[in-house]
Every structure is written in structure tokens, then in C-alpha cells.
N, C-alpha and C. Protein backbone atom coordinates (compact mmCIF):
# COMPACT_ATOMS: atom_id res chain seq x y z
N MET A 1 98.24 -84.53 -141.26
CA MET A 1 99.40 -84.76 -141.94
C MET A 1 99.67 -85.99 -141.84
N SER A 2 100.17 -87.37 -142.70
CA SER A 2 100.51 -88.24 -142.53
C SER A 2 101.90 -88.39 -142.03
N LYS A 3 102.33 -89.45 -141.12
CA LYS A 3 103.86 -89.69 -140.97
C LYS A 3 104.74 -89.69 -141.68
N LYS A 4 105.71 -89.55 -141.50
CA LYS A 4 107.03 -89.93 -142.41
C LYS A 4 107.38 -91.13 -141.98
N ARG A 5 107.45 -92.20 -142.64
CA ARG A 5 107.74 -93.72 -142.24
C ARG A 5 109.47 -93.54 -142.65
N ILE A 6 110.42 -94.17 -141.48
CA ILE A 6 111.74 -94.27 -141.84
C ILE A 6 112.17 -95.64 -141.40
N LEU A 7 112.56 -96.39 -142.40
CA LEU A 7 113.18 -97.89 -141.83
C LEU A 7 114.42 -97.63 -141.46
N CYS A 8 114.94 -98.08 -140.52
CA CYS A 8 116.47 -98.60 -140.12
C CYS A 8 116.72 -100.15 -140.18
N PHE A 9 117.40 -100.06 -141.38
CA PHE A 9 117.74 -101.54 -141.53
C PHE A 9 119.24 -101.94 -141.56
N GLY A 10 119.38 -102.79 -140.80
CA GLY A 10 120.99 -103.41 -140.20
C GLY A 10 121.42 -104.19 -139.62
N ASP A 11 122.55 -104.58 -138.50
CA ASP A 11 122.74 -105.37 -138.18
C ASP A 11 123.29 -104.87 -136.88
N SER A 12 123.95 -105.11 -135.90
CA SER A 12 124.40 -105.07 -134.69
C SER A 12 124.33 -103.53 -134.24
N TYR A 13 125.11 -102.79 -135.16
CA TYR A 13 124.52 -101.30 -134.96
C TYR A 13 123.07 -100.82 -134.86
N VAL A 14 122.34 -101.01 -135.76
CA VAL A 14 121.26 -100.49 -135.37
C VAL A 14 120.51 -101.32 -134.05
N TRP A 15 120.97 -102.67 -134.07
CA TRP A 15 120.07 -103.05 -132.80
C TRP A 15 120.43 -102.58 -131.52
N GLY A 16 121.50 -102.34 -131.51
CA GLY A 16 122.24 -101.08 -130.55
C GLY A 16 122.67 -102.24 -129.54
N TYR A 17 124.22 -103.35 -129.77
CA TYR A 17 125.06 -103.93 -129.21
C TYR A 17 125.60 -103.17 -128.03
N ILE A 18 125.76 -103.83 -126.77
CA ILE A 18 126.83 -103.09 -126.31
C ILE A 18 127.70 -103.61 -126.21
N PRO A 19 128.58 -102.65 -126.07
CA PRO A 19 130.55 -103.28 -126.40
C PRO A 19 130.91 -104.34 -125.14
N ASP A 20 131.80 -105.59 -125.43
CA ASP A 20 131.96 -106.06 -124.56
C ASP A 20 130.79 -107.00 -123.56
N SER A 21 129.62 -106.83 -124.55
CA SER A 21 128.79 -107.94 -123.39
C SER A 21 128.01 -108.75 -123.91
N ASP A 22 127.64 -109.56 -123.31
CA ASP A 22 126.76 -111.05 -123.67
C ASP A 22 125.44 -110.79 -124.54
N HIS A 23 125.42 -110.17 -125.51
CA HIS A 23 124.38 -110.07 -126.13
C HIS A 23 123.24 -108.96 -125.78
N GLU A 24 123.76 -107.73 -125.26
CA GLU A 24 123.58 -106.89 -124.26
C GLU A 24 122.99 -105.74 -125.20
N ARG A 25 121.68 -105.42 -125.18
CA ARG A 25 121.03 -104.34 -126.16
C ARG A 25 121.19 -103.04 -125.51
N PHE A 26 121.12 -101.93 -125.93
CA PHE A 26 120.98 -100.48 -125.40
C PHE A 26 119.71 -100.25 -125.06
N GLY A 27 119.37 -99.47 -124.18
CA GLY A 27 118.10 -98.94 -124.07
C GLY A 27 117.54 -98.38 -124.87
N GLU A 28 116.22 -98.16 -125.19
CA GLU A 28 115.30 -97.07 -126.01
C GLU A 28 116.20 -95.45 -126.28
N ASN A 29 116.54 -94.95 -124.85
CA ASN A 29 117.29 -93.78 -124.95
C ASN A 29 118.56 -93.88 -125.17
N ILE A 30 119.26 -94.82 -125.66
CA ILE A 30 120.48 -94.67 -126.66
C ILE A 30 120.57 -95.19 -128.13
N ARG A 31 120.07 -95.80 -128.22
CA ARG A 31 120.39 -96.80 -129.44
C ARG A 31 119.96 -95.88 -130.49
N PHE A 32 120.70 -95.69 -131.64
CA PHE A 32 120.34 -94.56 -132.00
C PHE A 32 118.86 -94.75 -133.28
N PRO A 33 118.53 -95.75 -133.87
CA PRO A 33 116.97 -95.43 -134.00
C PRO A 33 116.29 -94.56 -133.25
N LYS A 34 116.08 -95.01 -131.99
CA LYS A 34 115.31 -94.50 -130.95
C LYS A 34 115.54 -92.99 -130.66
N VAL A 35 116.82 -92.62 -130.68
CA VAL A 35 117.48 -91.05 -130.35
C VAL A 35 117.19 -90.58 -131.71
N LEU A 36 116.87 -91.23 -132.64
CA LEU A 36 116.33 -90.58 -134.25
C LEU A 36 115.09 -89.87 -134.12
N GLN A 37 114.29 -91.05 -133.42
CA GLN A 37 112.92 -90.96 -133.51
C GLN A 37 112.57 -89.41 -132.76
N LYS A 38 113.35 -89.35 -131.46
CA LYS A 38 113.36 -87.88 -130.54
C LYS A 38 113.81 -86.63 -131.60
N LEU A 39 114.64 -86.96 -131.67
CA LEU A 39 115.37 -85.63 -132.90
C LEU A 39 114.40 -85.38 -134.42
N LEU A 40 113.46 -86.22 -134.88
CA LEU A 40 112.98 -86.06 -136.09
C LEU A 40 111.23 -85.35 -135.32
N GLY A 41 110.96 -86.16 -134.29
CA GLY A 41 109.57 -85.85 -133.84
C GLY A 41 108.65 -86.58 -134.01
N ARG A 42 107.27 -86.18 -133.82
CA ARG A 42 106.38 -86.76 -133.84
C ARG A 42 105.73 -86.70 -135.54
N ASN A 43 106.56 -86.16 -136.62
CA ASN A 43 105.84 -86.10 -137.20
C ASN A 43 106.60 -87.31 -138.31
N PHE A 44 107.61 -87.87 -137.65
CA PHE A 44 107.99 -89.08 -138.46
C PHE A 44 107.52 -90.52 -137.20
N GLU A 45 107.97 -91.86 -138.40
CA GLU A 45 108.15 -92.89 -137.71
C GLU A 45 109.04 -93.65 -137.60
N ILE A 46 109.79 -93.96 -136.67
CA ILE A 46 110.98 -94.66 -137.08
C ILE A 46 110.73 -96.49 -136.77
N ILE A 47 111.42 -96.98 -138.10
CA ILE A 47 111.16 -98.33 -137.79
C ILE A 47 112.21 -99.28 -137.58
N GLU A 48 112.68 -100.00 -136.45
CA GLU A 48 113.82 -100.88 -135.99
C GLU A 48 113.82 -102.11 -137.05
N GLU A 49 115.16 -102.50 -137.67
CA GLU A 49 114.89 -103.67 -138.15
C GLU A 49 116.54 -103.78 -138.01
N GLY A 50 117.08 -104.11 -136.76
CA GLY A 50 118.49 -104.40 -136.58
C GLY A 50 118.31 -105.93 -136.29
N LEU A 51 119.44 -106.57 -136.85
CA LEU A 51 119.71 -108.00 -136.20
C LEU A 51 121.37 -108.34 -136.16
N ILE A 52 121.35 -108.76 -135.06
CA ILE A 52 122.69 -109.18 -134.76
C ILE A 52 123.61 -110.52 -135.64
N SER A 53 124.71 -110.02 -136.38
CA SER A 53 125.28 -110.86 -137.15
C SER A 53 124.65 -111.22 -138.67
N ARG A 54 123.56 -110.27 -138.75
CA ARG A 54 122.89 -109.85 -140.15
C ARG A 54 124.39 -109.58 -141.26
N THR A 55 124.30 -110.47 -142.40
CA THR A 55 125.14 -110.24 -143.21
C THR A 55 124.35 -109.26 -144.65
N LEU A 56 125.45 -109.27 -145.40
CA LEU A 56 124.58 -108.79 -146.72
C LEU A 56 124.41 -110.06 -147.62
N VAL A 57 125.37 -111.52 -147.76
CA VAL A 57 124.80 -112.55 -148.31
C VAL A 57 125.22 -113.74 -147.88
N SER A 58 125.81 -113.76 -146.90
CA SER A 58 126.66 -114.80 -146.50
C SER A 58 125.92 -115.54 -145.48
N ASP A 59 125.66 -117.26 -144.90
CA ASP A 59 125.21 -117.52 -144.04
C ASP A 59 126.06 -117.96 -143.31
N ASP A 60 125.35 -117.60 -141.91
CA ASP A 60 126.14 -117.83 -140.52
C ASP A 60 126.23 -119.49 -140.34
N LYS A 61 126.68 -120.03 -139.99
CA LYS A 61 127.05 -121.41 -139.67
C LYS A 61 126.66 -121.43 -138.46
N ARG A 62 126.86 -120.42 -137.40
CA ARG A 62 126.49 -121.12 -136.11
C ARG A 62 125.42 -121.31 -135.48
N PRO A 63 125.09 -122.15 -134.53
CA PRO A 63 123.88 -122.79 -134.02
C PRO A 63 122.98 -121.59 -133.54
N GLY A 64 122.10 -121.03 -133.78
CA GLY A 64 121.25 -120.15 -133.87
C GLY A 64 121.28 -119.32 -134.48
N LYS A 65 122.04 -119.07 -135.04
CA LYS A 65 122.63 -117.51 -136.26
C LYS A 65 121.87 -117.83 -137.85
N GLU A 66 120.63 -118.61 -137.78
CA GLU A 66 119.68 -118.67 -139.06
C GLU A 66 119.33 -117.47 -139.61
N GLY A 67 119.36 -117.12 -140.81
CA GLY A 67 118.31 -116.02 -141.63
C GLY A 67 119.29 -115.36 -141.23
N ARG A 68 120.42 -115.13 -141.34
CA ARG A 68 121.47 -113.89 -141.26
C ARG A 68 121.42 -113.57 -142.79
N SER A 69 121.29 -113.67 -143.42
CA SER A 69 121.45 -113.49 -144.82
C SER A 69 120.35 -112.14 -145.28
N GLY A 70 120.89 -111.05 -145.71
CA GLY A 70 119.74 -109.79 -145.76
C GLY A 70 119.47 -109.79 -146.79
N SER A 71 120.35 -110.28 -147.57
CA SER A 71 119.65 -110.50 -149.17
C SER A 71 118.58 -110.99 -149.06
N GLN A 72 118.27 -112.02 -147.98
CA GLN A 72 116.95 -112.69 -148.10
C GLN A 72 115.87 -112.29 -147.89
N TYR A 73 115.91 -111.16 -146.95
CA TYR A 73 114.75 -110.71 -145.92
C TYR A 73 114.73 -109.21 -146.42
N ILE A 74 115.45 -108.36 -147.39
CA ILE A 74 115.05 -107.06 -147.27
C ILE A 74 113.78 -107.00 -148.22
N ILE A 75 113.23 -107.62 -149.06
CA ILE A 75 112.13 -107.13 -149.92
C ILE A 75 111.15 -107.82 -149.24
N PRO A 76 111.07 -108.43 -148.40
CA PRO A 76 109.80 -109.31 -147.63
C PRO A 76 109.83 -107.80 -146.27
N CYS A 77 110.98 -107.44 -146.11
CA CYS A 77 110.93 -105.86 -144.84
C CYS A 77 110.31 -104.92 -145.20
N LEU A 78 110.88 -104.92 -146.77
CA LEU A 78 110.14 -103.45 -147.33
C LEU A 78 108.90 -103.81 -147.32
N ASP A 79 108.45 -104.63 -148.17
CA ASP A 79 107.33 -104.73 -148.07
C ASP A 79 105.58 -104.59 -146.68
N SER A 80 106.52 -105.35 -145.71
CA SER A 80 106.26 -105.58 -144.88
C SER A 80 105.70 -104.38 -143.79
N HIS A 81 106.56 -103.26 -144.20
CA HIS A 81 106.75 -102.18 -143.61
C HIS A 81 106.29 -101.18 -144.71
N ASP A 82 105.54 -101.22 -145.61
CA ASP A 82 105.02 -100.63 -146.44
C ASP A 82 103.76 -99.36 -146.43
N PRO A 83 103.65 -98.27 -146.49
CA PRO A 83 105.11 -97.66 -147.53
C PRO A 83 106.36 -97.25 -146.52
N ILE A 84 107.01 -96.97 -147.44
CA ILE A 84 108.16 -96.36 -146.69
C ILE A 84 108.88 -95.36 -147.59
N ASP A 85 109.03 -94.27 -146.48
CA ASP A 85 109.41 -93.16 -147.40
C ASP A 85 111.32 -92.91 -147.41
N ALA A 86 112.00 -93.69 -146.41
CA ALA A 86 113.19 -93.38 -146.41
C ALA A 86 113.75 -94.68 -145.67
N VAL A 87 115.04 -95.20 -146.10
CA VAL A 87 115.58 -96.15 -145.43
C VAL A 87 116.82 -95.49 -145.68
N VAL A 88 117.23 -95.79 -143.83
CA VAL A 88 118.83 -95.64 -143.46
C VAL A 88 119.41 -97.00 -143.37
N LEU A 89 120.21 -97.70 -144.47
CA LEU A 89 120.85 -98.85 -144.26
C LEU A 89 122.45 -98.42 -143.93
N MET A 90 122.79 -99.39 -142.95
CA MET A 90 123.99 -99.88 -142.26
C MET A 90 124.02 -100.90 -141.92
N LEU A 91 125.01 -101.76 -143.04
CA LEU A 91 125.00 -102.69 -143.07
C LEU A 91 126.53 -103.29 -143.94
N GLY A 92 127.16 -104.40 -143.65
CA GLY A 92 128.29 -104.67 -144.52
C GLY A 92 129.22 -104.97 -143.66
N THR A 93 129.57 -104.96 -142.20
CA THR A 93 130.87 -104.83 -141.70
C THR A 93 130.83 -106.46 -140.71
N ASN A 94 129.70 -106.96 -140.98
CA ASN A 94 129.58 -108.72 -140.74
C ASN A 94 130.58 -109.54 -142.34
N GLU A 95 130.47 -108.86 -143.25
CA GLU A 95 130.85 -109.40 -144.03
C GLU A 95 132.11 -109.50 -144.04
N LEU A 96 132.90 -108.74 -143.06
CA LEU A 96 134.30 -108.69 -143.17
C LEU A 96 134.95 -109.71 -142.71
N LYS A 97 134.29 -110.54 -141.99
CA LYS A 97 134.52 -111.71 -141.02
C LYS A 97 135.73 -112.49 -141.80
N ALA A 98 136.39 -112.81 -141.42
CA ALA A 98 137.81 -113.47 -141.92
C ALA A 98 137.17 -115.09 -142.98
N SER A 99 136.01 -115.55 -142.10
CA SER A 99 135.57 -117.14 -142.58
C SER A 99 134.46 -116.73 -143.79
N TYR A 100 134.16 -115.39 -144.41
CA TYR A 100 133.68 -115.08 -145.42
C TYR A 100 134.55 -114.90 -146.75
N ARG A 101 135.58 -114.32 -146.52
CA ARG A 101 136.91 -114.04 -147.44
C ARG A 101 136.21 -113.32 -148.48
N LYS A 102 135.89 -112.10 -147.92
CA LYS A 102 135.27 -111.14 -149.61
C LYS A 102 135.90 -109.45 -148.85
N THR A 103 136.45 -109.27 -150.00
CA THR A 103 137.24 -108.10 -149.94
C THR A 103 136.05 -106.31 -149.67
N THR A 104 136.91 -105.53 -149.69
CA THR A 104 135.63 -104.56 -149.43
C THR A 104 135.31 -104.32 -150.48
N LYS A 105 136.25 -104.05 -151.95
CA LYS A 105 135.42 -104.16 -153.24
C LYS A 105 134.01 -105.01 -153.47
N GLN A 106 134.69 -106.23 -153.25
CA GLN A 106 133.04 -107.62 -153.43
C GLN A 106 132.03 -107.18 -152.36
N ILE A 107 132.46 -106.45 -151.26
CA ILE A 107 131.15 -105.92 -150.24
C ILE A 107 130.64 -105.15 -151.13
N GLY A 108 131.43 -103.91 -151.90
CA GLY A 108 130.29 -102.78 -152.09
C GLY A 108 129.62 -103.21 -153.10
N LYS A 109 130.26 -104.21 -154.02
CA LYS A 109 129.53 -104.43 -155.09
C LYS A 109 128.09 -105.46 -154.58
N LEU A 110 128.20 -106.19 -154.18
CA LEU A 110 127.00 -106.74 -153.17
C LEU A 110 125.92 -105.87 -152.41
N LEU A 111 126.35 -104.77 -151.78
CA LEU A 111 125.51 -103.67 -151.12
C LEU A 111 125.34 -103.14 -152.08
N GLU A 112 125.33 -103.02 -153.16
CA GLU A 112 124.88 -102.09 -154.30
C GLU A 112 123.76 -103.00 -155.02
N LYS A 113 124.13 -104.15 -155.68
CA LYS A 113 123.50 -104.91 -156.06
C LYS A 113 122.20 -105.32 -155.44
N HIS A 114 122.35 -105.74 -154.23
CA HIS A 114 121.41 -106.38 -153.08
C HIS A 114 120.66 -105.60 -152.30
N PHE A 115 121.09 -104.40 -152.37
CA PHE A 115 120.50 -103.16 -151.03
C PHE A 115 120.09 -102.36 -152.41
N VAL A 116 121.29 -101.23 -151.95
CA VAL A 116 120.52 -100.28 -152.58
C VAL A 116 119.85 -100.25 -153.93
N LYS A 117 119.71 -100.55 -154.81
CA LYS A 117 119.61 -100.63 -156.14
C LYS A 117 118.19 -101.38 -155.83
N VAL A 118 118.16 -102.52 -154.76
CA VAL A 118 116.76 -102.87 -154.54
C VAL A 118 116.31 -101.70 -153.69
N ILE A 119 116.41 -101.50 -152.65
CA ILE A 119 115.30 -100.43 -152.12
C ILE A 119 114.99 -99.14 -152.98
N LEU A 120 115.71 -98.60 -153.49
CA LEU A 120 115.30 -97.35 -154.54
C LEU A 120 114.75 -97.69 -155.64
N ALA A 121 114.03 -99.19 -156.04
CA ALA A 121 113.20 -99.41 -156.99
C ALA A 121 112.15 -100.02 -156.35
N ARG A 122 112.52 -100.39 -155.15
CA ARG A 122 110.99 -100.93 -154.88
C ARG A 122 109.23 -99.83 -154.63
N LYS A 123 108.75 -100.05 -155.44
CA LYS A 123 107.75 -98.89 -155.19
C LYS A 123 107.02 -99.39 -154.56
N SER A 124 106.10 -98.62 -153.49
CA SER A 124 104.65 -99.04 -152.83
C SER A 124 103.70 -98.99 -153.20
N GLN A 125 103.22 -100.18 -152.74
CA GLN A 125 102.30 -100.98 -153.11
C GLN A 125 100.74 -100.15 -152.81
N PHE A 126 100.54 -98.64 -151.74
CA PHE A 126 99.71 -98.39 -151.64
C PHE A 126 99.95 -96.89 -152.26
N ARG A 127 100.86 -96.35 -152.42
CA ARG A 127 101.15 -94.55 -152.78
C ARG A 127 101.88 -94.76 -153.59
N SER A 128 102.13 -93.53 -154.31
CA SER A 128 103.04 -93.43 -155.42
C SER A 128 104.33 -92.96 -155.27
N ILE A 129 105.02 -93.64 -154.63
CA ILE A 129 106.30 -93.01 -153.58
C ILE A 129 107.12 -94.58 -153.95
N GLN A 130 108.56 -94.21 -154.12
CA GLN A 130 109.58 -95.41 -153.72
C GLN A 130 110.58 -94.75 -152.76
N PRO A 131 111.02 -95.85 -151.88
CA PRO A 131 111.99 -95.01 -150.63
C PRO A 131 113.30 -93.72 -151.01
N LYS A 132 113.69 -92.94 -150.87
CA LYS A 132 115.12 -92.84 -150.43
C LYS A 132 115.65 -93.28 -149.77
N LEU A 133 117.12 -93.20 -149.79
CA LEU A 133 118.14 -93.96 -149.20
C LEU A 133 118.93 -93.07 -148.42
N VAL A 134 119.46 -93.30 -147.46
CA VAL A 134 120.44 -93.00 -146.28
C VAL A 134 121.32 -94.02 -145.89
N LEU A 135 122.88 -94.06 -146.98
CA LEU A 135 123.60 -95.16 -146.31
C LEU A 135 124.45 -94.72 -145.73
N VAL A 136 124.50 -95.21 -144.54
CA VAL A 136 125.67 -95.35 -143.60
C VAL A 136 126.87 -96.15 -143.87
N VAL A 137 128.02 -95.50 -143.61
CA VAL A 137 129.66 -95.79 -143.56
C VAL A 137 130.20 -96.28 -142.56
N PRO A 138 129.88 -97.98 -142.40
CA PRO A 138 130.32 -98.13 -140.92
C PRO A 138 131.64 -98.16 -140.26
N PRO A 139 132.23 -97.88 -139.05
CA PRO A 139 133.04 -97.83 -138.43
C PRO A 139 134.56 -98.59 -138.69
N ILE A 140 135.69 -98.36 -138.12
CA ILE A 140 136.49 -98.76 -138.30
C ILE A 140 136.78 -99.66 -137.22
N ILE A 141 137.15 -100.88 -138.00
CA ILE A 141 137.13 -102.27 -136.79
C ILE A 141 138.60 -101.89 -135.85
N ASN A 142 138.86 -102.01 -134.69
CA ASN A 142 139.97 -102.18 -134.16
C ASN A 142 140.24 -103.88 -133.63
N GLU A 143 141.64 -104.83 -134.53
CA GLU A 143 141.48 -105.77 -134.52
C GLU A 143 142.52 -106.09 -133.28
N LYS A 144 142.68 -105.33 -132.37
CA LYS A 144 143.66 -105.49 -131.14
C LYS A 144 142.68 -105.36 -129.62
N THR A 145 141.92 -106.68 -129.95
CA THR A 145 140.61 -106.83 -129.05
C THR A 145 140.40 -107.90 -129.44
N ASP A 146 139.87 -109.16 -128.28
CA ASP A 146 139.48 -110.53 -128.17
C ASP A 146 138.05 -110.71 -129.04
N TYR A 147 137.41 -109.79 -128.90
CA TYR A 147 136.10 -109.96 -129.43
C TYR A 147 136.64 -109.90 -131.26
N ALA A 148 137.33 -108.84 -131.79
CA ALA A 148 137.45 -108.84 -132.92
C ALA A 148 138.35 -109.96 -134.05
N LYS A 149 138.43 -110.77 -132.81
CA LYS A 149 139.55 -112.19 -133.64
C LYS A 149 138.87 -112.94 -135.19
N TYR A 150 137.67 -112.37 -135.13
CA TYR A 150 136.65 -113.00 -136.19
C TYR A 150 137.18 -112.11 -137.60
N TYR A 151 138.05 -111.10 -137.25
CA TYR A 151 137.91 -109.80 -138.01
C TYR A 151 139.30 -109.99 -138.47
N VAL A 152 140.00 -110.86 -138.56
CA VAL A 152 141.65 -110.85 -139.27
C VAL A 152 141.33 -110.15 -140.46
N GLY A 153 142.40 -109.10 -140.33
CA GLY A 153 142.62 -107.89 -141.66
C GLY A 153 141.78 -106.88 -141.57
N GLY A 154 140.06 -107.08 -141.03
CA GLY A 154 139.11 -106.05 -141.24
C GLY A 154 139.79 -104.60 -140.78
N THR A 155 140.71 -104.22 -140.28
CA THR A 155 141.03 -102.48 -140.10
C THR A 155 140.87 -102.16 -141.16
N ALA A 156 142.41 -102.80 -141.96
CA ALA A 156 142.53 -102.17 -143.21
C ALA A 156 141.26 -102.63 -144.03
N LYS A 157 140.53 -103.03 -144.03
CA LYS A 157 139.38 -103.44 -145.09
C LYS A 157 138.01 -102.30 -144.45
N SER A 158 138.08 -102.18 -143.64
CA SER A 158 136.78 -101.11 -143.07
C SER A 158 137.67 -99.54 -143.45
N LYS A 159 138.48 -99.72 -143.10
CA LYS A 159 139.20 -98.12 -144.17
C LYS A 159 138.89 -97.79 -144.95
N LEU A 160 138.30 -99.06 -145.77
CA LEU A 160 138.75 -98.45 -147.38
C LEU A 160 136.68 -98.20 -147.48
N PHE A 161 135.76 -98.88 -146.53
CA PHE A 161 134.49 -98.46 -146.80
C PHE A 161 133.81 -96.98 -147.44
N LYS A 162 134.64 -96.17 -146.25
CA LYS A 162 133.79 -94.08 -146.60
C LYS A 162 134.51 -94.14 -148.22
N LYS A 163 135.28 -95.15 -148.72
CA LYS A 163 135.50 -94.64 -150.54
C LYS A 163 134.19 -95.26 -151.15
N THR A 164 134.47 -96.59 -150.74
CA THR A 164 133.51 -97.97 -151.41
C THR A 164 132.08 -96.98 -151.42
N TYR A 165 131.77 -96.86 -150.05
CA TYR A 165 130.19 -96.53 -149.62
C TYR A 165 130.20 -95.44 -150.42
N SER A 166 130.63 -93.82 -150.35
CA SER A 166 130.82 -92.69 -151.29
C SER A 166 130.80 -93.34 -152.38
N GLN A 167 130.80 -93.49 -152.87
CA GLN A 167 131.23 -93.84 -154.88
C GLN A 167 129.62 -94.50 -155.20
N ILE A 168 129.12 -95.61 -154.21
CA ILE A 168 127.81 -95.78 -154.26
C ILE A 168 127.00 -94.94 -154.24
N ALA A 169 126.98 -94.20 -152.91
CA ALA A 169 126.06 -93.30 -152.88
C ALA A 169 125.79 -92.00 -154.16
N LYS A 170 127.16 -92.06 -154.46
CA LYS A 170 127.45 -90.84 -155.46
C LYS A 170 126.82 -91.54 -156.91
N THR A 171 126.74 -92.37 -157.39
CA THR A 171 126.81 -93.50 -158.42
C THR A 171 124.95 -93.82 -158.03
N ASN A 172 124.52 -93.44 -157.31
CA ASN A 172 122.98 -93.79 -157.15
C ASN A 172 121.88 -92.86 -156.55
N GLY A 173 122.87 -91.77 -156.20
CA GLY A 173 122.11 -90.38 -156.30
C GLY A 173 121.29 -90.45 -154.99
N CYS A 174 121.82 -91.29 -153.65
CA CYS A 174 121.21 -91.41 -152.49
C CYS A 174 122.15 -90.83 -151.29
N LYS A 175 122.16 -90.50 -149.99
CA LYS A 175 122.32 -90.06 -149.36
C LYS A 175 123.49 -90.82 -148.88
N LEU A 176 124.82 -89.86 -148.02
CA LEU A 176 125.62 -90.50 -147.24
C LEU A 176 125.76 -90.11 -145.77
N VAL A 177 125.91 -90.71 -144.73
CA VAL A 177 126.49 -90.16 -143.43
C VAL A 177 127.82 -91.20 -143.01
N ASP A 178 128.56 -90.31 -142.71
CA ASP A 178 129.94 -91.22 -142.49
C ASP A 178 130.02 -91.42 -141.05
N SER A 179 130.36 -92.64 -140.55
CA SER A 179 130.77 -92.94 -139.38
C SER A 179 131.82 -93.45 -139.19
N SER A 180 132.79 -93.38 -140.28
CA SER A 180 134.30 -94.43 -139.48
C SER A 180 134.49 -93.46 -138.88
N ASP A 181 134.61 -92.23 -138.63
CA ASP A 181 135.51 -91.24 -137.89
C ASP A 181 135.15 -91.18 -135.98
N LEU A 182 134.09 -92.25 -136.14
CA LEU A 182 133.65 -92.03 -134.32
C LEU A 182 134.31 -93.53 -134.20
N PRO A 183 134.81 -93.53 -132.87
CA PRO A 183 135.44 -94.43 -132.05
C PRO A 183 134.39 -95.72 -131.92
N VAL A 184 134.93 -96.91 -131.82
CA VAL A 184 134.33 -97.99 -131.28
C VAL A 184 134.57 -98.19 -130.08
N GLY A 185 134.18 -99.68 -129.47
CA GLY A 185 134.13 -99.52 -128.04
C GLY A 185 135.28 -100.26 -127.53
N THR A 186 135.02 -100.46 -126.47
CA THR A 186 136.17 -101.69 -125.57
C THR A 186 136.60 -103.24 -126.64
N ASP A 187 134.98 -103.27 -127.38
CA ASP A 187 135.52 -104.71 -128.49
C ASP A 187 136.00 -104.72 -129.32
N GLY A 188 136.09 -103.41 -129.77
CA GLY A 188 136.72 -103.41 -130.94
C GLY A 188 136.03 -103.31 -132.33
N VAL A 189 134.67 -103.17 -131.97
CA VAL A 189 133.56 -103.30 -133.47
C VAL A 189 132.33 -102.48 -132.95
N HIS A 190 131.65 -102.64 -132.06
CA HIS A 190 130.32 -102.05 -131.60
C HIS A 190 130.78 -100.38 -130.90
N PHE A 191 129.81 -99.69 -130.89
CA PHE A 191 129.74 -98.17 -130.42
C PHE A 191 129.02 -98.13 -128.79
N ASP A 192 129.50 -97.06 -128.30
CA ASP A 192 129.44 -97.05 -127.11
C ASP A 192 127.90 -96.21 -127.13
N SER A 193 127.52 -95.48 -125.92
CA SER A 193 125.72 -94.87 -125.82
C SER A 193 126.50 -93.32 -126.77
N ALA A 194 127.94 -92.61 -126.63
CA ALA A 194 127.98 -91.30 -127.05
C ALA A 194 128.07 -91.37 -128.77
N GLU A 195 128.49 -92.29 -129.33
CA GLU A 195 128.75 -92.62 -130.58
C GLU A 195 127.09 -92.93 -131.63
N HIS A 196 126.36 -93.29 -130.40
CA HIS A 196 125.29 -93.81 -130.88
C HIS A 196 124.29 -92.62 -131.18
N ALA A 197 124.57 -91.46 -130.17
CA ALA A 197 123.68 -90.26 -129.74
C ALA A 197 124.69 -89.29 -131.47
N LYS A 198 125.97 -89.36 -131.35
CA LYS A 198 126.41 -88.28 -132.85
C LYS A 198 126.09 -89.26 -133.96
N LEU A 199 125.81 -90.22 -134.08
CA LEU A 199 125.37 -90.93 -135.40
C LEU A 199 124.06 -90.37 -135.51
N ALA A 200 122.79 -90.36 -134.59
CA ALA A 200 121.79 -89.98 -134.39
C ALA A 200 121.54 -88.65 -135.24
N LYS A 201 122.50 -87.53 -134.90
CA LYS A 201 122.28 -86.49 -135.09
C LYS A 201 122.90 -86.41 -136.52
N ARG A 202 123.85 -87.28 -137.03
CA ARG A 202 124.08 -86.83 -138.21
C ARG A 202 122.88 -87.45 -139.33
N ILE A 203 122.31 -88.75 -139.20
CA ILE A 203 121.29 -89.51 -139.73
C ILE A 203 120.10 -88.06 -140.14
N ALA A 204 119.89 -87.76 -138.35
CA ALA A 204 119.06 -86.72 -138.71
C ALA A 204 118.89 -85.42 -139.43
N SER A 205 120.12 -84.99 -139.83
CA SER A 205 120.58 -83.68 -140.55
C SER A 205 120.18 -83.97 -141.94
N GLU A 206 120.47 -85.11 -142.29
CA GLU A 206 120.49 -85.75 -143.95
C GLU A 206 119.16 -85.81 -144.41
N ILE A 207 118.26 -86.61 -143.20
CA ILE A 207 116.56 -86.50 -143.60
C ILE A 207 115.99 -85.68 -143.50
N LYS A 208 116.39 -84.65 -142.66
CA LYS A 208 115.72 -83.39 -142.79
C LYS A 208 115.71 -82.42 -143.73
N SER A 209 117.14 -82.55 -144.68
CA SER A 209 117.22 -82.36 -145.84
C SER A 209 116.90 -83.10 -147.21
N MET A 210 116.40 -83.93 -146.78
CA MET A 210 115.53 -84.66 -148.21
C MET A 210 114.22 -84.26 -148.54
N LYS A 211 113.65 -84.54 -149.77
CA LYS A 211 111.90 -83.98 -149.90
C LYS A 211 111.24 -85.40 -149.76
N ILE A 212 110.71 -85.53 -148.36
CA ILE A 212 110.06 -86.90 -148.17
C ILE A 212 108.79 -86.60 -147.64
């Protein structure tokens, strides 16, 4: 029996950014895609596609942050890892940065248009399948930290993610995993190790319930 291939696509949450670190990454025993692999077992193959500062459509103008627009990479990524049975999509937080000037409603529309509908419609070149989708609601930002200074107004906006993402999942018939109740670390944005483990368990439960 061939392995079920699951693509985890997203930003620094998928990458495993350690809170309050200087671009340091959690090890394979901690970050949630790798924990997910252990939970699902050898009949599954988890593919990590996390990138720090990845956005939906916005260009990050900072030096060394080229190619952060996820909308420009999602199709090549899907085709590169084809065939894919399911995608775990956790994206949207970076679009909350004040410099991008977007509302939660706008972020939801961009997520649905450039990612949800694209993923669900992308047929495999090798098998008669299209990916199923697990959409992850990002956590609530804590602006009362130095790191979160880029997210002015981000706390209020991120609190609306659950409602927005839930509606997108319902409209498009995909699974939803909520991480908005999980606390962020000391930097006000990223998860500590315990939250990575909890998120992996929630995602594993949804994947096991899917017919893939």
C-alpha cells in the first residue's frame, strides 16, 4: 500500500520558529509536522513546507525576505510534491502586519481565492485525485510584547480568524482545526513546544477522519 502524502504548507508556525529566538527552529521531535508524522505512523508521509514571514500575497520588502508571497509558490509546490492526498494549510498571520494594511475580512478573501480553491481544484498529474484540505485557524496575537510591535491592531484582528476561517471551511467543504485557544509564547506570536504537540494531535484526529 502506498503512503498517504500530506503537505503542511504555511509560515513560521509550520517551520517551527522558537519564541524570542533569533530565527532558531524547534527540532524534529517538537515542531508539529514532525510530531504529526509520529502520530499518523508509517502509512503516511508528512511533507514540510514552512517558511518564515510567508504571506498570502504581500511582498516583504526587508533584505533577505524575497519570495515570501505564498500565492506565487502554492501551485509549483503542489506540483513539485504531486501526488498529494491532503494539505494542512496554516497561513494568514503575517498578513496582519500593520504595514500590509489588511482587515481580517480581506485576509479571508485572499486565503480562499489564492489557496483554498486552488488547492482543492489542483488535480494530480499522476493519479485520479485532488487534495483534501485541513484549514488551521491561527492563534491570537499578544501585542503586549516587543516582537509583536509589527502587528499593531493584530490582537483584535486575529480574534476574528476563527469565525472567518470557519466560514471558509464550511463553504468549501474542508476540515477545520482551531488553534486560536492555544496560548502563544513570550514573543506574543509563536508557539512553545507544548502547543506544537497539542496542535499535532488535533490535526492528526482530523486527518484520520478523512477518506483519503
